[in-house]
């Protein structure tokens, strides 16, 4: 009987941990060397995936490839729609590098709700991470709008991921389960 109680407690404890799904976007780091997985829209001229030095940017935030965004006169867009778990917490993040060209703009949306809107973004040519906590609805979408007259801004590692349990939490859970097992075993021996 105690073994079945222990099993139920262990399953409930494991079920309470968030699952790690990694990045559920397709080609979020542009490592295919192109925009595969993304829907492009609006003014998409002067927008491409590059490797190495380009304009003021020395290279990708991580990996080899990154997107340079330079439409003139109107915004371009990149978007993806993805399946996720209803009610689950997600982290939407991306890395942006910009030098404040005027006029330029960058905005980010989750399911049509604006999360960020920056005119003439300037990160000082340093990769800067932007992170937002969102809740899944079963099917969600992200969209990035951008314009840079007359130059470029850079984008890399766009991600939508679930929470990752911290190693300390897993260690604490394992220690608690082991202690319960010993206690039940001792009690059964008596």
N, C-alpha and C. Protein backbone atom coordinates (compact mmCIF):
# COMPACT_ATOMS: atom_id res chain seq x y z
N UNK A 1 0.81 -1.19 0.00
CA UNK A 1 0.00 0.00 0.00
C UNK A 1 0.86 1.26 0.00
N UNK A 2 1.94 1.26 0.83
CA UNK A 2 2.79 2.44 0.90
C UNK A 2 3.50 2.69 -0.42
N UNK A 3 3.83 1.63 -1.14
CA UNK A 3 4.48 1.81 -2.44
C UNK A 3 3.55 2.53 -3.40
N UNK A 4 2.28 2.20 -3.39
CA UNK A 4 1.35 2.87 -4.30
C UNK A 4 1.13 4.32 -3.87
N UNK A 5 1.11 4.60 -2.56
CA UNK A 5 0.99 5.98 -2.11
C UNK A 5 2.22 6.77 -2.52
N UNK A 6 3.40 6.16 -2.31
CA UNK A 6 4.64 6.81 -2.73
C UNK A 6 4.64 7.09 -4.23
N UNK A 7 4.17 6.13 -5.01
CA UNK A 7 4.10 6.30 -6.47
C UNK A 7 3.20 7.46 -6.86
N UNK A 8 2.05 7.57 -6.21
CA UNK A 8 1.12 8.67 -6.50
C UNK A 8 1.76 10.01 -6.13
N UNK A 9 2.40 10.09 -4.96
CA UNK A 9 3.07 11.32 -4.54
C UNK A 9 4.16 11.70 -5.53
N UNK A 10 4.95 10.73 -5.97
CA UNK A 10 6.02 11.00 -6.93
C UNK A 10 5.45 11.51 -8.25
N UNK A 11 4.40 10.86 -8.74
CA UNK A 11 3.79 11.31 -9.99
C UNK A 11 3.21 12.72 -9.88
N UNK A 12 2.56 13.02 -8.76
CA UNK A 12 2.02 14.36 -8.57
C UNK A 12 3.13 15.40 -8.50
N UNK A 13 4.23 15.06 -7.83
CA UNK A 13 5.35 16.00 -7.74
C UNK A 13 5.95 16.24 -9.12
N UNK A 14 6.15 15.20 -9.90
CA UNK A 14 6.70 15.36 -11.24
C UNK A 14 5.74 16.11 -12.15
N UNK A 15 4.45 15.87 -12.02
CA UNK A 15 3.46 16.55 -12.85
C UNK A 15 3.40 18.03 -12.55
N UNK A 16 3.77 18.43 -11.33
CA UNK A 16 3.72 19.84 -10.98
C UNK A 16 4.89 20.63 -11.55
N UNK A 17 5.94 19.95 -12.02
CA UNK A 17 7.08 20.64 -12.60
C UNK A 17 6.72 21.12 -14.01
N UNK A 18 7.18 22.31 -14.39
CA UNK A 18 6.95 22.74 -15.76
C UNK A 18 7.75 21.88 -16.73
N UNK A 19 7.19 21.63 -17.89
CA UNK A 19 7.88 20.84 -18.90
C UNK A 19 8.75 21.75 -19.75
N UNK A 20 9.88 21.25 -20.19
CA UNK A 20 10.76 22.01 -21.05
C UNK A 20 10.50 21.62 -22.49
N UNK A 21 10.08 22.56 -23.29
CA UNK A 21 9.81 22.28 -24.69
C UNK A 21 10.83 22.93 -25.60
N UNK A 22 11.79 23.65 -25.03
CA UNK A 22 12.75 24.36 -25.88
C UNK A 22 12.04 25.43 -26.69
N UNK A 23 12.68 25.88 -27.74
CA UNK A 23 12.08 26.89 -28.60
C UNK A 23 11.06 26.23 -29.52
N UNK A 24 9.80 26.63 -29.42
CA UNK A 24 8.77 26.01 -30.26
C UNK A 24 8.60 26.74 -31.59
N UNK A 25 9.38 27.81 -31.80
CA UNK A 25 9.36 28.48 -33.10
C UNK A 25 10.24 27.73 -34.09
N UNK A 26 9.97 27.91 -35.34
CA UNK A 26 10.78 27.32 -36.41
C UNK A 26 11.82 28.33 -36.84
N UNK A 27 13.09 27.94 -36.82
CA UNK A 27 14.18 28.76 -37.33
C UNK A 27 14.27 30.12 -36.61
N UNK A 28 14.09 30.11 -35.29
CA UNK A 28 14.14 31.35 -34.53
C UNK A 28 15.50 32.02 -34.52
N UNK A 29 16.56 31.25 -34.72
CA UNK A 29 17.91 31.80 -34.77
C UNK A 29 18.40 32.03 -36.18
N UNK A 30 17.55 31.79 -37.18
CA UNK A 30 17.86 31.99 -38.60
C UNK A 30 19.05 31.14 -39.05
N UNK A 31 19.29 30.03 -38.34
CA UNK A 31 20.45 29.19 -38.65
C UNK A 31 20.32 28.40 -39.94
N UNK A 32 19.17 28.46 -40.60
CA UNK A 32 19.05 27.86 -41.92
C UNK A 32 19.67 28.76 -42.99
N UNK A 33 20.02 30.00 -42.59
CA UNK A 33 20.59 30.96 -43.54
C UNK A 33 19.53 31.68 -44.36
N UNK A 34 18.25 31.49 -43.96
CA UNK A 34 17.16 32.17 -44.67
C UNK A 34 15.99 32.36 -43.70
N UNK A 35 14.85 32.80 -44.23
CA UNK A 35 13.68 33.05 -43.40
C UNK A 35 12.69 31.89 -43.41
N UNK A 36 13.15 30.66 -43.66
CA UNK A 36 12.22 29.53 -43.66
C UNK A 36 11.56 29.42 -42.29
N UNK A 37 10.26 29.11 -42.30
CA UNK A 37 9.48 29.03 -41.08
C UNK A 37 8.80 30.33 -40.71
N UNK A 38 9.22 31.41 -41.32
CA UNK A 38 8.66 32.73 -41.03
C UNK A 38 7.75 33.18 -42.16
N UNK A 39 6.69 33.93 -41.83
CA UNK A 39 5.86 34.60 -42.83
C UNK A 39 6.35 36.04 -42.91
N UNK A 40 6.75 36.46 -44.10
CA UNK A 40 7.25 37.82 -44.31
C UNK A 40 6.12 38.66 -44.88
N UNK A 41 6.06 39.92 -44.48
CA UNK A 41 5.02 40.79 -44.98
C UNK A 41 5.47 42.23 -45.03
N UNK A 42 4.58 43.07 -45.54
CA UNK A 42 4.87 44.50 -45.63
C UNK A 42 6.02 44.78 -46.57
N UNK A 43 6.77 45.80 -46.26
CA UNK A 43 7.92 46.20 -47.07
C UNK A 43 9.11 45.36 -46.64
N UNK A 44 9.46 44.38 -47.43
CA UNK A 44 10.51 43.44 -47.04
C UNK A 44 11.82 43.68 -47.79
N UNK A 45 11.93 44.84 -48.48
CA UNK A 45 13.17 45.14 -49.19
C UNK A 45 14.30 45.35 -48.19
N UNK A 46 15.51 45.10 -48.60
CA UNK A 46 16.69 45.28 -47.76
C UNK A 46 16.60 44.54 -46.43
N UNK A 47 15.97 43.38 -46.45
CA UNK A 47 15.88 42.53 -45.27
C UNK A 47 16.40 41.16 -45.67
N UNK A 48 17.39 40.66 -44.93
CA UNK A 48 18.00 39.39 -45.30
C UNK A 48 18.63 38.71 -44.10
N UNK A 49 19.02 37.47 -44.28
CA UNK A 49 19.75 36.71 -43.27
C UNK A 49 21.21 36.69 -43.70
N UNK A 50 22.11 37.04 -42.76
CA UNK A 50 23.53 37.15 -43.09
C UNK A 50 24.36 36.41 -42.05
N UNK A 51 25.63 36.25 -42.37
CA UNK A 51 26.59 35.64 -41.47
C UNK A 51 27.81 36.56 -41.41
N UNK A 52 28.40 36.69 -40.23
CA UNK A 52 29.60 37.51 -40.10
C UNK A 52 29.29 39.00 -40.05
N UNK A 53 30.28 39.82 -40.39
CA UNK A 53 30.16 41.28 -40.31
C UNK A 53 29.19 41.80 -41.37
N UNK A 54 28.29 42.71 -40.94
CA UNK A 54 27.38 43.39 -41.86
C UNK A 54 27.04 44.75 -41.27
N UNK A 55 27.22 45.80 -42.04
CA UNK A 55 26.96 47.18 -41.61
C UNK A 55 27.76 47.44 -40.33
N UNK A 56 27.13 47.81 -39.23
CA UNK A 56 27.83 48.06 -37.97
C UNK A 56 27.93 46.81 -37.09
N UNK A 57 27.40 45.70 -37.54
CA UNK A 57 27.26 44.51 -36.69
C UNK A 57 28.36 43.50 -36.99
N UNK A 58 29.01 43.01 -35.92
CA UNK A 58 30.16 42.13 -36.10
C UNK A 58 29.78 40.67 -36.32
N UNK A 59 28.54 40.29 -35.99
CA UNK A 59 28.12 38.91 -36.19
C UNK A 59 26.91 38.59 -35.34
N UNK A 60 26.50 37.33 -35.40
CA UNK A 60 25.30 36.86 -34.70
C UNK A 60 25.48 36.93 -33.19
N UNK A 61 24.35 37.02 -32.49
CA UNK A 61 24.37 36.96 -31.02
C UNK A 61 24.81 35.57 -30.59
N UNK A 62 24.32 34.55 -31.31
CA UNK A 62 24.68 33.16 -31.06
C UNK A 62 24.56 32.41 -32.38
N UNK A 63 25.39 31.46 -32.60
CA UNK A 63 25.36 30.73 -33.87
C UNK A 63 26.06 31.53 -34.96
N UNK A 64 25.74 31.23 -36.21
CA UNK A 64 26.42 31.86 -37.33
C UNK A 64 25.57 32.92 -38.04
N UNK A 65 24.26 32.76 -38.01
CA UNK A 65 23.38 33.59 -38.84
C UNK A 65 22.51 34.51 -38.00
N UNK A 66 22.12 35.63 -38.59
CA UNK A 66 21.19 36.57 -37.97
C UNK A 66 20.49 37.36 -39.06
N UNK A 67 19.40 38.02 -38.71
CA UNK A 67 18.63 38.81 -39.69
C UNK A 67 19.03 40.27 -39.59
N UNK A 68 19.18 40.91 -40.74
CA UNK A 68 19.36 42.35 -40.79
C UNK A 68 18.10 42.94 -41.42
N UNK A 69 17.57 43.96 -40.77
CA UNK A 69 16.27 44.51 -41.11
C UNK A 69 16.46 45.95 -41.57
N UNK A 70 16.14 46.23 -42.85
CA UNK A 70 16.40 47.58 -43.36
C UNK A 70 15.39 48.13 -44.33
N UNK A 71 14.08 47.82 -44.21
CA UNK A 71 13.14 48.41 -45.15
C UNK A 71 13.08 49.95 -45.00
N UNK A 72 12.94 50.61 -46.12
CA UNK A 72 12.89 52.07 -46.16
C UNK A 72 11.48 52.51 -46.55
N UNK A 73 10.93 53.46 -45.81
CA UNK A 73 9.65 54.06 -46.18
C UNK A 73 8.42 53.38 -45.61
N UNK A 74 8.54 52.17 -45.10
CA UNK A 74 7.41 51.46 -44.52
C UNK A 74 7.88 50.21 -43.81
N UNK A 75 7.08 49.73 -42.86
CA UNK A 75 7.47 48.58 -42.05
C UNK A 75 7.42 47.27 -42.82
N UNK A 76 8.39 46.41 -42.53
CA UNK A 76 8.33 45.00 -42.91
C UNK A 76 7.89 44.22 -41.69
N UNK A 77 7.46 42.98 -41.90
CA UNK A 77 7.04 42.15 -40.78
C UNK A 77 7.59 40.74 -40.91
N UNK A 78 7.83 40.12 -39.77
CA UNK A 78 8.12 38.70 -39.66
C UNK A 78 7.14 38.14 -38.64
N UNK A 79 6.50 37.02 -38.96
CA UNK A 79 5.53 36.45 -38.02
C UNK A 79 5.54 34.94 -38.09
N UNK A 80 5.07 34.33 -37.00
CA UNK A 80 4.88 32.88 -36.93
C UNK A 80 3.66 32.60 -36.06
N UNK A 81 2.92 31.58 -36.47
CA UNK A 81 1.83 31.05 -35.67
C UNK A 81 2.24 29.65 -35.24
N UNK A 82 1.95 29.28 -34.00
CA UNK A 82 2.43 28.02 -33.45
C UNK A 82 1.40 27.45 -32.48
N UNK A 83 1.44 26.14 -32.33
CA UNK A 83 0.59 25.46 -31.35
C UNK A 83 1.30 25.40 -30.02
N UNK A 84 0.54 25.59 -28.95
CA UNK A 84 1.10 25.49 -27.61
C UNK A 84 0.04 24.92 -26.68
N UNK A 85 0.28 24.95 -25.39
CA UNK A 85 -0.63 24.35 -24.41
C UNK A 85 -1.47 25.44 -23.77
N UNK A 86 -2.77 25.27 -23.82
CA UNK A 86 -3.71 26.22 -23.24
C UNK A 86 -3.41 26.43 -21.76
N UNK A 87 -3.20 27.69 -21.37
CA UNK A 87 -2.96 28.04 -19.98
C UNK A 87 -1.53 27.90 -19.50
N UNK A 88 -0.65 27.34 -20.33
CA UNK A 88 0.75 27.14 -19.91
C UNK A 88 1.52 28.46 -20.02
N UNK A 89 2.47 28.68 -19.11
CA UNK A 89 3.29 29.89 -19.18
C UNK A 89 4.38 29.75 -20.24
N UNK A 90 4.60 30.82 -21.00
CA UNK A 90 5.64 30.84 -22.04
C UNK A 90 6.47 32.09 -21.90
N UNK A 91 7.71 32.00 -22.33
CA UNK A 91 8.59 33.15 -22.41
C UNK A 91 8.84 33.45 -23.88
N UNK A 92 8.49 34.65 -24.29
CA UNK A 92 8.75 35.14 -25.65
C UNK A 92 9.94 36.08 -25.54
N UNK A 93 11.01 35.77 -26.28
CA UNK A 93 12.20 36.61 -26.20
C UNK A 93 12.86 36.72 -27.57
N UNK A 94 13.67 37.76 -27.70
CA UNK A 94 14.46 37.97 -28.91
C UNK A 94 15.62 38.89 -28.57
N UNK A 95 16.65 38.85 -29.41
CA UNK A 95 17.83 39.69 -29.25
C UNK A 95 17.86 40.71 -30.38
N UNK A 96 18.04 41.98 -30.04
CA UNK A 96 18.05 43.07 -31.01
C UNK A 96 19.33 43.88 -30.84
N UNK A 97 19.90 44.28 -31.95
CA UNK A 97 21.04 45.20 -31.93
C UNK A 97 20.72 46.32 -32.91
N UNK A 98 20.83 47.55 -32.46
CA UNK A 98 20.48 48.70 -33.30
C UNK A 98 21.38 49.87 -32.93
N UNK A 99 21.55 50.79 -33.89
CA UNK A 99 22.43 51.94 -33.67
C UNK A 99 21.68 53.27 -33.73
N UNK A 100 20.35 53.24 -33.67
CA UNK A 100 19.58 54.47 -33.55
C UNK A 100 19.42 55.28 -34.81
N UNK A 101 19.44 54.63 -35.97
CA UNK A 101 19.25 55.37 -37.22
C UNK A 101 17.90 56.07 -37.18
N UNK A 102 17.82 57.24 -37.82
CA UNK A 102 16.60 58.03 -37.80
C UNK A 102 16.13 58.29 -39.22
N UNK A 103 14.89 57.95 -39.55
CA UNK A 103 13.87 57.31 -38.73
C UNK A 103 13.97 55.79 -38.79
N UNK A 104 13.65 55.16 -37.68
CA UNK A 104 13.55 53.71 -37.62
C UNK A 104 12.56 53.35 -36.51
N UNK A 105 12.03 52.13 -36.57
CA UNK A 105 11.13 51.67 -35.51
C UNK A 105 11.16 50.17 -35.43
N UNK A 106 10.80 49.66 -34.26
CA UNK A 106 10.72 48.22 -34.05
C UNK A 106 9.60 47.97 -33.05
N UNK A 107 8.76 46.98 -33.33
CA UNK A 107 7.70 46.62 -32.40
C UNK A 107 7.50 45.11 -32.40
N UNK A 108 7.00 44.60 -31.28
CA UNK A 108 6.77 43.16 -31.11
C UNK A 108 5.35 42.94 -30.59
N UNK A 109 4.70 41.89 -31.10
CA UNK A 109 3.32 41.58 -30.75
C UNK A 109 3.17 40.11 -30.39
N UNK A 110 2.29 39.83 -29.44
CA UNK A 110 1.85 38.47 -29.11
C UNK A 110 0.35 38.45 -29.33
N UNK A 111 -0.13 37.64 -30.25
CA UNK A 111 -1.56 37.55 -30.58
C UNK A 111 -2.18 38.92 -30.84
N UNK A 112 -1.44 39.78 -31.50
CA UNK A 112 -1.96 41.10 -31.86
C UNK A 112 -1.84 42.15 -30.76
N UNK A 113 -1.41 41.75 -29.57
CA UNK A 113 -1.23 42.71 -28.48
C UNK A 113 0.20 43.22 -28.51
N UNK A 114 0.36 44.53 -28.58
CA UNK A 114 1.70 45.11 -28.66
C UNK A 114 2.42 44.99 -27.32
N UNK A 115 3.61 44.42 -27.36
CA UNK A 115 4.45 44.27 -26.18
C UNK A 115 5.56 45.30 -26.14
N UNK A 116 6.00 45.73 -27.31
CA UNK A 116 7.13 46.67 -27.41
C UNK A 116 6.91 47.56 -28.62
N UNK A 117 7.18 48.84 -28.47
CA UNK A 117 7.18 49.77 -29.59
C UNK A 117 8.27 50.80 -29.32
N UNK A 118 9.30 50.81 -30.17
CA UNK A 118 10.44 51.70 -29.97
C UNK A 118 10.69 52.47 -31.26
N UNK A 119 10.75 53.79 -31.13
CA UNK A 119 11.16 54.62 -32.25
C UNK A 119 12.66 54.85 -32.18
N UNK A 120 13.32 54.75 -33.31
CA UNK A 120 14.77 54.92 -33.40
C UNK A 120 15.50 54.09 -32.34
N UNK A 121 15.29 52.77 -32.32
CA UNK A 121 15.93 51.94 -31.29
C UNK A 121 17.45 52.05 -31.35
N UNK A 122 18.05 52.11 -30.17
CA UNK A 122 19.51 52.22 -30.10
C UNK A 122 20.02 51.40 -28.92
N UNK A 123 20.62 50.26 -29.21
CA UNK A 123 21.24 49.44 -28.18
C UNK A 123 22.75 49.66 -28.14
N UNK A 124 23.22 50.67 -28.89
CA UNK A 124 24.66 50.95 -28.93
C UNK A 124 25.44 49.86 -29.64
N UNK A 125 24.79 49.21 -30.62
CA UNK A 125 25.42 48.12 -31.36
C UNK A 125 25.79 46.96 -30.44
N UNK A 126 25.01 46.77 -29.37
CA UNK A 126 25.20 45.67 -28.43
C UNK A 126 23.95 44.80 -28.49
N UNK A 127 24.13 43.50 -28.58
CA UNK A 127 22.97 42.60 -28.56
C UNK A 127 22.26 42.75 -27.23
N UNK A 128 20.96 43.03 -27.28
CA UNK A 128 20.16 43.25 -26.08
C UNK A 128 18.95 42.33 -26.13
N UNK A 129 18.73 41.58 -25.03
CA UNK A 129 17.60 40.65 -25.00
C UNK A 129 16.34 41.35 -24.48
N UNK A 130 15.23 41.08 -25.14
CA UNK A 130 13.91 41.54 -24.71
C UNK A 130 13.10 40.29 -24.38
N UNK A 131 12.47 40.26 -23.20
CA UNK A 131 11.80 39.06 -22.72
C UNK A 131 10.42 39.42 -22.18
N UNK A 132 9.43 38.57 -22.53
CA UNK A 132 8.05 38.80 -22.10
C UNK A 132 7.44 37.48 -21.64
N UNK A 133 6.69 37.52 -20.54
CA UNK A 133 5.98 36.34 -20.03
C UNK A 133 4.56 36.37 -20.59
N UNK A 134 4.16 35.26 -21.25
CA UNK A 134 2.84 35.17 -21.87
C UNK A 134 2.20 33.84 -21.49
N UNK A 135 0.90 33.74 -21.76
CA UNK A 135 0.16 32.51 -21.46
C UNK A 135 -0.38 31.93 -22.76
N UNK A 136 -0.16 30.64 -22.96
CA UNK A 136 -0.61 29.97 -24.18
C UNK A 136 -2.13 29.87 -24.25
N UNK A 137 -2.65 29.92 -25.48
CA UNK A 137 -4.09 29.76 -25.70
C UNK A 137 -4.39 28.51 -26.51
N UNK A 138 -3.36 27.74 -26.84
CA UNK A 138 -3.53 26.57 -27.69
C UNK A 138 -2.99 26.82 -29.09
N UNK A 139 -3.19 28.04 -29.58
CA UNK A 139 -2.61 28.48 -30.85
C UNK A 139 -2.34 29.97 -30.72
N UNK A 140 -1.09 30.35 -30.83
CA UNK A 140 -0.70 31.75 -30.65
C UNK A 140 0.16 32.19 -31.81
N UNK A 141 0.40 33.51 -31.87
CA UNK A 141 1.25 34.05 -32.92
C UNK A 141 2.08 35.19 -32.37
N UNK A 142 3.24 35.36 -32.98
CA UNK A 142 4.07 36.52 -32.70
C UNK A 142 4.27 37.27 -34.00
N UNK A 143 4.49 38.56 -33.90
CA UNK A 143 4.81 39.37 -35.08
C UNK A 143 5.81 40.44 -34.68
N UNK A 144 6.79 40.66 -35.53
CA UNK A 144 7.79 41.69 -35.35
C UNK A 144 7.67 42.66 -36.53
N UNK A 145 7.52 43.95 -36.24
CA UNK A 145 7.45 44.99 -37.27
C UNK A 145 8.73 45.81 -37.19
N UNK A 146 9.25 46.26 -38.35
CA UNK A 146 10.53 46.96 -38.33
C UNK A 146 10.68 47.83 -39.57
N UNK A 147 11.45 48.90 -39.38
CA UNK A 147 11.80 49.82 -40.47
C UNK A 147 13.09 50.50 -40.04
N UNK A 148 14.00 50.72 -40.98
CA UNK A 148 15.23 51.43 -40.67
C UNK A 148 15.67 52.24 -41.88
N UNK A 149 15.40 53.54 -41.86
CA UNK A 149 15.83 54.46 -42.94
C UNK A 149 17.08 55.17 -42.45
N UNK A 150 18.17 55.09 -43.05
CA UNK A 150 18.48 54.43 -44.31
C UNK A 150 19.39 53.22 -44.13
N UNK A 151 19.41 52.59 -42.96
CA UNK A 151 20.41 51.54 -42.73
C UNK A 151 19.75 50.26 -42.23
N UNK A 152 20.30 49.65 -41.17
CA UNK A 152 19.85 48.33 -40.71
C UNK A 152 19.86 48.23 -39.19
N UNK A 153 18.99 47.34 -38.68
CA UNK A 153 19.10 46.84 -37.31
C UNK A 153 19.22 45.32 -37.43
N UNK A 154 19.66 44.66 -36.36
CA UNK A 154 19.91 43.23 -36.42
C UNK A 154 19.04 42.50 -35.40
N UNK A 155 18.60 41.28 -35.77
CA UNK A 155 17.70 40.47 -34.95
C UNK A 155 18.24 39.04 -34.91
N UNK A 156 18.19 38.41 -33.73
CA UNK A 156 18.66 37.03 -33.61
C UNK A 156 17.92 36.33 -32.47
N UNK A 157 17.93 35.01 -32.52
CA UNK A 157 17.44 34.13 -31.45
C UNK A 157 16.05 34.50 -30.94
N UNK A 158 15.08 34.54 -31.84
CA UNK A 158 13.69 34.75 -31.47
C UNK A 158 13.19 33.42 -30.90
N UNK A 159 12.56 33.47 -29.73
CA UNK A 159 12.22 32.24 -29.04
C UNK A 159 10.89 32.34 -28.32
N UNK A 160 10.14 31.24 -28.34
CA UNK A 160 8.99 31.05 -27.47
C UNK A 160 9.24 29.70 -26.79
N UNK A 161 9.37 29.73 -25.46
CA UNK A 161 9.69 28.49 -24.74
C UNK A 161 8.93 28.43 -23.42
N UNK A 162 8.79 27.21 -22.92
CA UNK A 162 8.15 27.02 -21.62
C UNK A 162 9.19 27.16 -20.53
N UNK A 163 8.72 27.19 -19.31
CA UNK A 163 9.62 27.33 -18.16
C UNK A 163 10.49 26.08 -18.03
N UNK A 164 11.68 26.27 -17.55
CA UNK A 164 12.63 25.19 -17.33
C UNK A 164 12.83 25.05 -15.83
N UNK A 165 12.61 23.86 -15.26
CA UNK A 165 12.85 23.72 -13.83
C UNK A 165 14.32 23.98 -13.50
N UNK A 166 14.57 24.70 -12.43
CA UNK A 166 15.94 24.96 -12.02
C UNK A 166 16.55 23.68 -11.46
N UNK A 167 17.84 23.45 -11.68
CA UNK A 167 18.48 22.25 -11.14
C UNK A 167 18.29 22.12 -9.64
N UNK A 168 18.28 23.24 -8.92
CA UNK A 168 18.10 23.16 -7.47
C UNK A 168 16.71 22.63 -7.13
N UNK A 169 15.71 22.98 -7.91
CA UNK A 169 14.35 22.48 -7.67
C UNK A 169 14.29 20.97 -7.90
N UNK A 170 14.95 20.51 -8.96
CA UNK A 170 14.97 19.08 -9.24
C UNK A 170 15.70 18.32 -8.14
N UNK A 171 16.80 18.89 -7.64
CA UNK A 171 17.56 18.25 -6.55
C UNK A 171 16.72 18.18 -5.29
N UNK A 172 16.03 19.26 -4.97
CA UNK A 172 15.16 19.29 -3.80
C UNK A 172 14.04 18.26 -3.93
N UNK A 173 13.43 18.17 -5.11
CA UNK A 173 12.37 17.19 -5.34
C UNK A 173 12.92 15.77 -5.17
N UNK A 174 14.07 15.49 -5.77
CA UNK A 174 14.65 14.15 -5.67
C UNK A 174 14.97 13.81 -4.22
N UNK A 175 15.53 14.76 -3.47
CA UNK A 175 15.85 14.52 -2.06
C UNK A 175 14.60 14.22 -1.25
N UNK A 176 13.53 14.97 -1.51
CA UNK A 176 12.27 14.74 -0.80
C UNK A 176 11.68 13.38 -1.11
N UNK A 177 11.74 12.98 -2.38
CA UNK A 177 11.20 11.68 -2.77
C UNK A 177 12.01 10.54 -2.15
N UNK A 178 13.32 10.70 -2.09
CA UNK A 178 14.18 9.67 -1.47
C UNK A 178 13.88 9.57 0.02
N UNK A 179 13.73 10.72 0.69
CA UNK A 179 13.40 10.72 2.12
C UNK A 179 12.06 10.04 2.37
N UNK A 180 11.07 10.31 1.51
CA UNK A 180 9.77 9.64 1.65
C UNK A 180 9.90 8.13 1.47
N UNK A 181 10.70 7.73 0.49
CA UNK A 181 10.88 6.31 0.22
C UNK A 181 11.49 5.61 1.44
N UNK A 182 12.54 6.21 2.04
CA UNK A 182 13.16 5.62 3.23
C UNK A 182 12.19 5.57 4.40
N UNK A 183 11.40 6.61 4.55
CA UNK A 183 10.45 6.63 5.66
C UNK A 183 9.41 5.52 5.50
N UNK A 184 8.87 5.40 4.29
CA UNK A 184 7.87 4.35 4.06
C UNK A 184 8.50 2.97 4.19
N UNK A 185 9.71 2.80 3.75
CA UNK A 185 10.39 1.51 3.83
C UNK A 185 10.63 1.13 5.30
N UNK A 186 11.06 2.11 6.07
CA UNK A 186 11.29 1.88 7.50
C UNK A 186 10.03 1.50 8.22
N UNK A 187 8.96 2.22 7.87
CA UNK A 187 7.68 1.96 8.52
C UNK A 187 7.19 0.56 8.17
N UNK A 188 7.38 0.13 6.93
CA UNK A 188 6.94 -1.21 6.51
C UNK A 188 7.79 -2.30 7.20
N UNK A 189 9.08 -2.01 7.43
CA UNK A 189 9.96 -2.99 8.08
C UNK A 189 9.55 -3.21 9.54
N UNK A 190 9.06 -2.15 10.16
CA UNK A 190 8.66 -2.24 11.56
C UNK A 190 7.34 -2.97 11.62
